[in-house]
Amino acid sequence: MAIILASNRIKGGARIGCLAHCKRAILMKLSTKGTYGLRALIDIAANSQTDPVSISSISTRQAMSVGYLEQLISKLKRSGFVNSVRGVRGGYVLAKPASEISVGDVLRALEGSLSPVDCPAAKDEGEGCDESGSCLTKVVWQKINDSINIAVDAIKLSEIIEEAKTSCSI
């Protein structure tokens, strides 16, 4: 679902929603890269205490295709979240403790920016569009972006695993 704000002018010429003027849309939805990749990493964290976890075992438990998992695990490996173990009993293990891996880091590695608005000024990445100086909604997008990042950065894989152990079987 994309929401495009109208570019309405108010007193003093400030824009209520410069996003429509800038031809940018609000879109906050994670792709399967983010959701499946996070599920795969949690599966590795929960199941690799004694032995490495194979892609086929993740595929079976999580009902994901082996081919897609290979792509996701490769990206997670390049991002420093998992290490591979070669051999007959090989597979994947976490590259660092689950308590040091935040959901935010994983999602950004898989998805890129988590900002719901494609506005450089709202993401502190630059000046923004031509109207960012008079855009009254820029501060809203900045606060939403900050809130999302704070929330996902506060969640560690270890917390998810502990919660899953108490609420269901993993």
N, C-alpha and C. Protein backbone atom coordinates (compact mmCIF):
# COMPACT_ATOMS: atom_id res chain seq x y z
N MET A 1 0.84 -1.17 0.00
CA MET A 1 0.00 0.00 0.00
C MET A 1 0.89 1.23 0.00
N ALA A 2 0.70 2.10 -0.93
CA ALA A 2 1.46 3.34 -0.98
C ALA A 2 0.52 4.50 -0.70
N ILE A 3 0.94 5.40 0.13
CA ILE A 3 0.15 6.59 0.45
C ILE A 3 0.92 7.78 -0.07
N ILE A 4 0.30 8.54 -0.91
CA ILE A 4 0.95 9.73 -1.44
C ILE A 4 0.22 10.95 -0.90
N LEU A 5 0.95 11.80 -0.21
CA LEU A 5 0.34 12.99 0.35
C LEU A 5 0.16 14.06 -0.72
N ALA A 6 -0.92 14.79 -0.59
CA ALA A 6 -1.17 15.89 -1.52
C ALA A 6 -0.24 17.04 -1.22
N SER A 7 0.05 17.82 -2.22
CA SER A 7 0.95 18.95 -2.07
C SER A 7 0.13 20.22 -1.87
N ASN A 8 -0.48 20.35 -0.73
CA ASN A 8 -1.33 21.50 -0.43
C ASN A 8 -0.51 22.62 0.18
N ARG A 9 -0.73 23.83 -0.31
CA ARG A 9 -0.05 24.99 0.27
C ARG A 9 -0.93 25.59 1.35
N ILE A 10 -0.27 26.08 2.41
CA ILE A 10 -1.00 26.79 3.45
C ILE A 10 -0.37 28.17 3.61
N LYS A 11 -0.86 28.92 4.54
CA LYS A 11 -0.39 30.28 4.79
C LYS A 11 1.14 30.35 4.82
N GLY A 12 1.71 31.27 4.11
CA GLY A 12 3.15 31.44 4.06
C GLY A 12 3.82 30.58 3.00
N GLY A 13 3.04 29.82 2.26
CA GLY A 13 3.59 29.02 1.17
C GLY A 13 4.22 27.71 1.59
N ALA A 14 4.12 27.33 2.87
CA ALA A 14 4.71 26.05 3.30
C ALA A 14 3.86 24.90 2.78
N ARG A 15 4.51 23.83 2.50
CA ARG A 15 3.81 22.66 2.00
C ARG A 15 3.47 21.72 3.14
N ILE A 16 2.22 21.25 3.13
CA ILE A 16 1.80 20.27 4.12
C ILE A 16 2.46 18.93 3.81
N GLY A 17 2.48 18.56 2.57
CA GLY A 17 3.07 17.28 2.19
C GLY A 17 3.89 17.42 0.94
N CYS A 18 5.17 17.67 1.10
CA CYS A 18 6.01 17.85 -0.07
C CYS A 18 6.29 16.52 -0.76
N LEU A 19 5.87 15.42 -0.16
CA LEU A 19 6.17 14.13 -0.77
C LEU A 19 5.51 13.98 -2.13
N ALA A 20 4.29 14.44 -2.27
CA ALA A 20 3.64 14.34 -3.58
C ALA A 20 4.38 15.23 -4.58
N HIS A 21 4.79 16.41 -4.12
CA HIS A 21 5.54 17.31 -4.98
C HIS A 21 6.86 16.67 -5.40
N CYS A 22 7.48 15.97 -4.46
CA CYS A 22 8.76 15.32 -4.72
C CYS A 22 8.58 13.97 -5.42
N LYS A 23 7.34 13.60 -5.66
CA LYS A 23 7.02 12.32 -6.28
C LYS A 23 7.58 11.16 -5.48
N ARG A 24 7.44 11.23 -4.16
CA ARG A 24 7.87 10.15 -3.26
C ARG A 24 6.65 9.61 -2.54
N ALA A 25 6.67 8.34 -2.21
CA ALA A 25 5.53 7.71 -1.55
C ALA A 25 5.96 7.09 -0.23
N ILE A 26 5.00 6.97 0.67
CA ILE A 26 5.24 6.29 1.93
C ILE A 26 4.95 4.81 1.69
N LEU A 27 5.90 3.98 1.99
CA LEU A 27 5.71 2.56 1.81
C LEU A 27 6.48 1.84 2.89
N MET A 28 5.77 1.27 3.84
CA MET A 28 6.45 0.55 4.93
C MET A 28 5.97 -0.88 4.90
N LYS A 29 6.71 -1.70 4.24
CA LYS A 29 6.40 -3.11 4.19
C LYS A 29 7.70 -3.84 3.94
N LEU A 30 7.96 -4.85 4.75
CA LEU A 30 9.16 -5.63 4.55
C LEU A 30 8.92 -6.67 3.47
N SER A 31 9.93 -6.92 2.67
CA SER A 31 9.82 -7.94 1.64
C SER A 31 10.12 -9.31 2.24
N THR A 32 9.99 -10.35 1.44
CA THR A 32 10.32 -11.69 1.92
C THR A 32 11.81 -11.80 2.23
N LYS A 33 12.63 -10.95 1.61
CA LYS A 33 14.06 -10.96 1.97
C LYS A 33 14.22 -10.71 3.46
N GLY A 34 13.54 -9.70 3.96
CA GLY A 34 13.65 -9.35 5.37
C GLY A 34 12.97 -10.36 6.28
N THR A 35 11.75 -10.73 5.95
CA THR A 35 11.01 -11.63 6.84
C THR A 35 11.58 -13.05 6.82
N TYR A 36 11.86 -13.58 5.64
CA TYR A 36 12.42 -14.93 5.55
C TYR A 36 13.86 -14.96 6.06
N GLY A 37 14.63 -13.93 5.76
CA GLY A 37 16.01 -13.88 6.22
C GLY A 37 16.10 -13.83 7.73
N LEU A 38 15.23 -13.05 8.35
CA LEU A 38 15.20 -12.98 9.81
C LEU A 38 14.78 -14.32 10.40
N ARG A 39 13.75 -14.94 9.81
CA ARG A 39 13.32 -16.26 10.28
C ARG A 39 14.44 -17.29 10.16
N ALA A 40 15.17 -17.26 9.05
CA ALA A 40 16.28 -18.20 8.85
C ALA A 40 17.37 -17.97 9.89
N LEU A 41 17.70 -16.73 10.16
CA LEU A 41 18.75 -16.42 11.14
C LEU A 41 18.32 -16.85 12.55
N ILE A 42 17.07 -16.63 12.89
CA ILE A 42 16.56 -17.08 14.19
C ILE A 42 16.61 -18.60 14.26
N ASP A 43 16.28 -19.26 13.17
CA ASP A 43 16.35 -20.73 13.13
C ASP A 43 17.78 -21.20 13.38
N ILE A 44 18.74 -20.56 12.74
CA ILE A 44 20.15 -20.91 12.95
C ILE A 44 20.53 -20.68 14.40
N ALA A 45 20.14 -19.55 14.95
CA ALA A 45 20.48 -19.22 16.33
C ALA A 45 19.88 -20.24 17.30
N ALA A 46 18.67 -20.66 17.04
CA ALA A 46 17.98 -21.58 17.95
C ALA A 46 18.46 -23.02 17.81
N ASN A 47 19.00 -23.38 16.66
CA ASN A 47 19.30 -24.79 16.39
C ASN A 47 20.77 -25.12 16.19
N SER A 48 21.66 -24.17 16.39
CA SER A 48 23.08 -24.43 16.12
C SER A 48 23.93 -24.49 17.39
N GLN A 49 23.32 -24.79 18.54
CA GLN A 49 24.12 -24.84 19.77
C GLN A 49 25.12 -25.99 19.74
N THR A 50 24.74 -27.13 19.15
CA THR A 50 25.65 -28.28 19.15
C THR A 50 26.26 -28.55 17.78
N ASP A 51 25.49 -28.37 16.73
CA ASP A 51 25.97 -28.64 15.38
C ASP A 51 25.55 -27.51 14.45
N PRO A 52 26.30 -27.34 13.35
CA PRO A 52 25.87 -26.36 12.34
C PRO A 52 24.50 -26.75 11.77
N VAL A 53 23.79 -25.76 11.28
CA VAL A 53 22.44 -25.97 10.74
C VAL A 53 22.51 -25.96 9.21
N SER A 54 21.97 -26.99 8.60
CA SER A 54 21.99 -27.07 7.13
C SER A 54 20.83 -26.27 6.54
N ILE A 55 21.02 -25.83 5.32
CA ILE A 55 19.97 -25.09 4.62
C ILE A 55 18.74 -25.98 4.44
N SER A 56 18.95 -27.26 4.15
CA SER A 56 17.79 -28.14 3.96
C SER A 56 16.97 -28.29 5.24
N SER A 57 17.63 -28.30 6.40
CA SER A 57 16.87 -28.40 7.66
C SER A 57 16.09 -27.11 7.93
N ILE A 58 16.69 -25.97 7.62
CA ILE A 58 15.97 -24.69 7.76
C ILE A 58 14.78 -24.69 6.82
N SER A 59 15.01 -25.13 5.59
CA SER A 59 13.95 -25.17 4.58
C SER A 59 12.77 -26.00 5.05
N THR A 60 13.05 -27.15 5.65
CA THR A 60 11.99 -28.02 6.14
C THR A 60 11.24 -27.37 7.30
N ARG A 61 11.97 -26.87 8.28
CA ARG A 61 11.33 -26.28 9.46
C ARG A 61 10.56 -25.00 9.14
N GLN A 62 11.09 -24.19 8.24
CA GLN A 62 10.50 -22.88 7.96
C GLN A 62 9.64 -22.83 6.70
N ALA A 63 9.54 -23.95 5.99
CA ALA A 63 8.75 -24.04 4.75
C ALA A 63 9.17 -22.97 3.73
N MET A 64 10.48 -22.92 3.49
CA MET A 64 11.06 -22.00 2.51
C MET A 64 11.83 -22.80 1.47
N SER A 65 11.93 -22.28 0.27
CA SER A 65 12.67 -22.99 -0.77
C SER A 65 14.17 -22.93 -0.49
N VAL A 66 14.84 -24.02 -0.82
CA VAL A 66 16.29 -24.11 -0.61
C VAL A 66 17.01 -23.03 -1.43
N GLY A 67 16.59 -22.84 -2.66
CA GLY A 67 17.24 -21.85 -3.53
C GLY A 67 17.17 -20.44 -2.96
N TYR A 68 16.01 -20.06 -2.47
CA TYR A 68 15.85 -18.72 -1.90
C TYR A 68 16.66 -18.60 -0.60
N LEU A 69 16.63 -19.64 0.22
CA LEU A 69 17.42 -19.64 1.45
C LEU A 69 18.90 -19.48 1.16
N GLU A 70 19.39 -20.14 0.11
CA GLU A 70 20.81 -20.01 -0.25
C GLU A 70 21.16 -18.56 -0.54
N GLN A 71 20.28 -17.86 -1.25
CA GLN A 71 20.52 -16.44 -1.53
C GLN A 71 20.53 -15.61 -0.25
N LEU A 72 19.57 -15.86 0.63
CA LEU A 72 19.48 -15.10 1.88
C LEU A 72 20.65 -15.39 2.80
N ILE A 73 21.01 -16.66 2.93
CA ILE A 73 22.13 -17.03 3.81
C ILE A 73 23.43 -16.44 3.27
N SER A 74 23.58 -16.41 1.96
CA SER A 74 24.77 -15.81 1.37
C SER A 74 24.87 -14.33 1.75
N LYS A 75 23.76 -13.63 1.71
CA LYS A 75 23.75 -12.23 2.09
C LYS A 75 24.03 -12.06 3.59
N LEU A 76 23.47 -12.95 4.40
CA LEU A 76 23.72 -12.90 5.84
C LEU A 76 25.19 -13.20 6.14
N LYS A 77 25.78 -14.09 5.36
CA LYS A 77 27.20 -14.42 5.55
C LYS A 77 28.07 -13.21 5.18
N ARG A 78 27.78 -12.59 4.03
CA ARG A 78 28.54 -11.40 3.60
C ARG A 78 28.41 -10.26 4.61
N SER A 79 27.27 -10.20 5.30
CA SER A 79 27.03 -9.14 6.28
C SER A 79 27.61 -9.46 7.66
N GLY A 80 28.21 -10.64 7.79
CA GLY A 80 28.88 -10.99 9.04
C GLY A 80 28.01 -11.58 10.13
N PHE A 81 26.82 -12.08 9.77
CA PHE A 81 25.92 -12.66 10.77
C PHE A 81 26.12 -14.17 10.93
N VAL A 82 26.54 -14.85 9.87
CA VAL A 82 26.72 -16.30 9.95
C VAL A 82 28.08 -16.70 9.36
N ASN A 83 28.56 -17.84 9.83
CA ASN A 83 29.75 -18.46 9.27
C ASN A 83 29.34 -19.83 8.74
N SER A 84 30.01 -20.26 7.69
CA SER A 84 29.73 -21.59 7.16
C SER A 84 30.74 -22.59 7.70
N VAL A 85 30.28 -23.82 7.86
CA VAL A 85 31.12 -24.92 8.31
C VAL A 85 31.05 -25.97 7.20
N ARG A 86 32.21 -26.30 6.65
CA ARG A 86 32.25 -27.27 5.55
C ARG A 86 32.22 -28.70 6.08
N GLY A 87 31.89 -29.61 5.18
CA GLY A 87 31.94 -31.02 5.52
C GLY A 87 30.58 -31.68 5.52
N VAL A 88 30.60 -32.98 5.77
CA VAL A 88 29.37 -33.77 5.76
C VAL A 88 28.37 -33.25 6.79
N ARG A 89 28.85 -32.88 7.93
CA ARG A 89 27.97 -32.36 8.99
C ARG A 89 28.03 -30.83 9.02
N GLY A 90 28.31 -30.24 7.88
CA GLY A 90 28.46 -28.80 7.79
C GLY A 90 27.13 -28.07 7.76
N GLY A 91 27.24 -26.78 7.72
CA GLY A 91 26.05 -25.93 7.69
C GLY A 91 26.43 -24.53 8.12
N TYR A 92 25.56 -23.91 8.89
CA TYR A 92 25.78 -22.52 9.30
C TYR A 92 25.62 -22.35 10.79
N VAL A 93 26.43 -21.46 11.33
CA VAL A 93 26.37 -21.07 12.75
C VAL A 93 26.41 -19.55 12.81
N LEU A 94 25.98 -19.01 13.92
CA LEU A 94 26.07 -17.56 14.10
C LEU A 94 27.53 -17.14 14.16
N ALA A 95 27.85 -16.00 13.58
CA ALA A 95 29.22 -15.48 13.59
C ALA A 95 29.54 -14.77 14.90
N LYS A 96 28.50 -14.39 15.63
CA LYS A 96 28.67 -13.74 16.93
C LYS A 96 27.48 -14.13 17.81
N PRO A 97 27.56 -13.88 19.09
CA PRO A 97 26.46 -14.27 19.98
C PRO A 97 25.13 -13.62 19.58
N ALA A 98 24.05 -14.37 19.79
CA ALA A 98 22.71 -13.87 19.46
C ALA A 98 22.39 -12.59 20.23
N SER A 99 23.00 -12.41 21.38
CA SER A 99 22.76 -11.21 22.18
C SER A 99 23.40 -9.96 21.56
N GLU A 100 24.26 -10.15 20.58
CA GLU A 100 24.92 -9.02 19.91
C GLU A 100 24.33 -8.72 18.54
N ILE A 101 23.30 -9.46 18.15
CA ILE A 101 22.69 -9.26 16.83
C ILE A 101 21.31 -8.67 17.02
N SER A 102 21.11 -7.46 16.50
CA SER A 102 19.80 -6.82 16.61
C SER A 102 18.98 -7.09 15.35
N VAL A 103 17.68 -7.11 15.54
CA VAL A 103 16.76 -7.28 14.41
C VAL A 103 16.98 -6.15 13.40
N GLY A 104 17.24 -4.95 13.91
CA GLY A 104 17.46 -3.80 13.02
C GLY A 104 18.66 -4.01 12.11
N ASP A 105 19.77 -4.51 12.67
CA ASP A 105 20.96 -4.76 11.85
C ASP A 105 20.67 -5.79 10.76
N VAL A 106 19.94 -6.84 11.13
CA VAL A 106 19.62 -7.89 10.17
C VAL A 106 18.72 -7.35 9.06
N LEU A 107 17.66 -6.65 9.45
CA LEU A 107 16.73 -6.13 8.44
C LEU A 107 17.40 -5.12 7.52
N ARG A 108 18.25 -4.25 8.06
CA ARG A 108 18.94 -3.29 7.20
C ARG A 108 19.91 -3.99 6.26
N ALA A 109 20.55 -5.07 6.71
CA ALA A 109 21.46 -5.82 5.84
C ALA A 109 20.70 -6.48 4.70
N LEU A 110 19.49 -6.93 4.97
CA LEU A 110 18.70 -7.62 3.96
C LEU A 110 17.86 -6.69 3.10
N GLU A 111 17.32 -5.64 3.71
CA GLU A 111 16.36 -4.76 3.04
C GLU A 111 16.95 -3.41 2.61
N GLY A 112 18.01 -2.99 3.26
CA GLY A 112 18.48 -1.62 3.08
C GLY A 112 17.81 -0.74 4.13
N SER A 113 17.61 0.50 3.83
CA SER A 113 17.00 1.43 4.79
C SER A 113 15.60 0.97 5.18
N LEU A 114 15.27 1.17 6.44
CA LEU A 114 13.93 0.83 6.94
C LEU A 114 13.02 2.04 6.96
N SER A 115 13.50 3.15 6.46
CA SER A 115 12.72 4.37 6.46
C SER A 115 11.45 4.19 5.62
N PRO A 116 10.29 4.56 6.18
CA PRO A 116 9.04 4.42 5.43
C PRO A 116 8.86 5.49 4.36
N VAL A 117 9.72 6.48 4.36
CA VAL A 117 9.61 7.57 3.40
C VAL A 117 10.94 7.73 2.67
N ASP A 118 10.87 7.87 1.39
CA ASP A 118 12.08 8.05 0.59
C ASP A 118 12.42 9.53 0.51
N CYS A 119 12.78 10.09 1.65
CA CYS A 119 13.12 11.52 1.73
C CYS A 119 14.49 11.64 2.39
N PRO A 120 15.51 12.05 1.65
CA PRO A 120 16.85 12.15 2.24
C PRO A 120 16.91 13.06 3.46
N ALA A 121 16.13 14.11 3.49
CA ALA A 121 16.14 15.01 4.63
C ALA A 121 15.58 14.32 5.88
N ALA A 122 14.57 13.47 5.70
CA ALA A 122 13.97 12.76 6.82
C ALA A 122 14.90 11.68 7.36
N LYS A 123 15.81 11.19 6.52
CA LYS A 123 16.74 10.15 6.94
C LYS A 123 18.11 10.73 7.30
N ASP A 124 18.20 12.06 7.40
CA ASP A 124 19.47 12.72 7.69
C ASP A 124 20.55 12.34 6.68
N GLU A 125 20.16 12.21 5.43
CA GLU A 125 21.10 11.84 4.38
C GLU A 125 21.38 13.00 3.43
N GLY A 126 20.94 14.16 3.77
CA GLY A 126 21.21 15.28 2.89
C GLY A 126 20.15 16.34 2.98
N GLU A 127 20.15 17.17 2.00
CA GLU A 127 19.27 18.33 1.96
C GLU A 127 17.81 17.98 1.72
N GLY A 128 17.54 16.91 1.00
CA GLY A 128 16.16 16.59 0.64
C GLY A 128 15.81 17.20 -0.69
N CYS A 129 14.54 17.33 -0.94
CA CYS A 129 14.08 17.87 -2.22
C CYS A 129 14.12 19.40 -2.19
N ASP A 130 13.72 20.00 -3.30
CA ASP A 130 13.71 21.46 -3.39
C ASP A 130 12.78 22.11 -2.37
N GLU A 131 11.79 21.37 -1.93
CA GLU A 131 10.79 21.92 -1.00
C GLU A 131 11.07 21.56 0.45
N SER A 132 12.17 20.88 0.77
CA SER A 132 12.39 20.40 2.14
C SER A 132 12.52 21.55 3.15
N GLY A 133 12.95 22.71 2.72
CA GLY A 133 13.05 23.85 3.63
C GLY A 133 11.70 24.33 4.12
N SER A 134 10.65 24.14 3.30
CA SER A 134 9.32 24.59 3.69
C SER A 134 8.37 23.42 3.94
N CYS A 135 8.90 22.22 4.00
CA CYS A 135 8.08 21.03 4.20
C CYS A 135 7.75 20.87 5.68
N LEU A 136 6.47 20.93 6.02
CA LEU A 136 6.06 20.82 7.41
C LEU A 136 6.00 19.37 7.88
N THR A 137 6.01 18.42 6.97
CA THR A 137 5.89 17.02 7.37
C THR A 137 7.24 16.34 7.54
N LYS A 138 8.31 17.01 7.18
CA LYS A 138 9.64 16.41 7.28
C LYS A 138 9.93 15.91 8.69
N VAL A 139 9.56 16.69 9.69
CA VAL A 139 9.81 16.30 11.07
C VAL A 139 9.01 15.05 11.44
N VAL A 140 7.84 14.88 10.87
CA VAL A 140 7.03 13.68 11.12
C VAL A 140 7.78 12.46 10.59
N TRP A 141 8.28 12.55 9.36
CA TRP A 141 9.00 11.41 8.76
C TRP A 141 10.28 11.11 9.54
N GLN A 142 10.95 12.14 10.02
CA GLN A 142 12.16 11.93 10.82
C GLN A 142 11.83 11.18 12.11
N LYS A 143 10.74 11.58 12.77
CA LYS A 143 10.35 10.93 14.03
C LYS A 143 9.92 9.48 13.79
N ILE A 144 9.18 9.23 12.73
CA ILE A 144 8.77 7.86 12.41
C ILE A 144 9.99 7.01 12.11
N ASN A 145 10.90 7.54 11.30
CA ASN A 145 12.12 6.81 10.97
C ASN A 145 12.93 6.49 12.22
N ASP A 146 13.11 7.47 13.09
CA ASP A 146 13.86 7.27 14.33
C ASP A 146 13.18 6.21 15.20
N SER A 147 11.86 6.28 15.31
CA SER A 147 11.12 5.32 16.14
C SER A 147 11.25 3.90 15.63
N ILE A 148 11.18 3.73 14.33
CA ILE A 148 11.33 2.39 13.75
C ILE A 148 12.72 1.85 14.06
N ASN A 149 13.74 2.65 13.83
CA ASN A 149 15.11 2.19 14.07
C ASN A 149 15.37 1.89 15.54
N ILE A 150 14.88 2.72 16.43
CA ILE A 150 15.05 2.48 17.86
C ILE A 150 14.37 1.16 18.25
N ALA A 151 13.16 0.95 17.74
CA ALA A 151 12.41 -0.27 18.10
C ALA A 151 13.11 -1.53 17.62
N VAL A 152 13.51 -1.58 16.35
CA VAL A 152 14.13 -2.81 15.83
C VAL A 152 15.55 -3.01 16.34
N ASP A 153 16.24 -1.93 16.66
CA ASP A 153 17.59 -2.06 17.21
C ASP A 153 17.57 -2.57 18.65
N ALA A 154 16.47 -2.37 19.35
CA ALA A 154 16.35 -2.81 20.74
C ALA A 154 16.06 -4.31 20.86
N ILE A 155 15.64 -4.93 19.77
CA ILE A 155 15.29 -6.36 19.81
C ILE A 155 16.51 -7.18 19.39
N LYS A 156 16.97 -8.03 20.28
CA LYS A 156 18.12 -8.91 20.01
C LYS A 156 17.62 -10.32 19.70
N LEU A 157 18.37 -11.05 18.89
CA LEU A 157 17.99 -12.42 18.55
C LEU A 157 17.83 -13.27 19.80
N SER A 158 18.69 -13.07 20.76
CA SER A 158 18.62 -13.86 22.00
C SER A 158 17.27 -13.69 22.69
N GLU A 159 16.70 -12.48 22.66
CA GLU A 159 15.39 -12.23 23.27
C GLU A 159 14.30 -13.00 22.54
N ILE A 160 14.38 -13.02 21.22
CA ILE A 160 13.37 -13.72 20.42
C ILE A 160 13.42 -15.21 20.72
N ILE A 161 14.61 -15.76 20.81
CA ILE A 161 14.78 -17.18 21.08
C ILE A 161 14.25 -17.52 22.48
N GLU A 162 14.57 -16.72 23.47
CA GLU A 162 14.08 -16.96 24.82
C GLU A 162 12.56 -16.89 24.89
N GLU A 163 12.00 -15.91 24.22
CA GLU A 163 10.54 -15.76 24.20
C GLU A 163 9.90 -16.97 23.50
N ALA A 164 10.51 -17.42 22.42
CA ALA A 164 9.96 -18.56 21.70
C ALA A 164 10.03 -19.84 22.54
N LYS A 165 11.08 -19.98 23.33
CA LYS A 165 11.20 -21.15 24.19
C LYS A 165 10.09 -21.22 25.23
N THR A 166 9.67 -20.07 25.71
CA THR A 166 8.63 -20.05 26.73
C THR A 166 7.21 -20.08 26.16
N SER A 167 7.04 -19.59 24.93
CA SER A 167 5.69 -19.50 24.38
C SER A 167 5.35 -20.60 23.38
N CYS A 168 6.36 -21.21 22.76
CA CYS A 168 6.12 -22.28 21.80
C CYS A 168 7.38 -23.10 21.65
N SER A 169 7.30 -24.11 20.85
CA SER A 169 8.51 -24.93 20.66
C SER A 169 9.22 -24.51 19.39
N ILE A 170 10.53 -24.35 19.47
CA ILE A 170 11.33 -24.04 18.29
C ILE A 170 12.39 -25.10 18.10
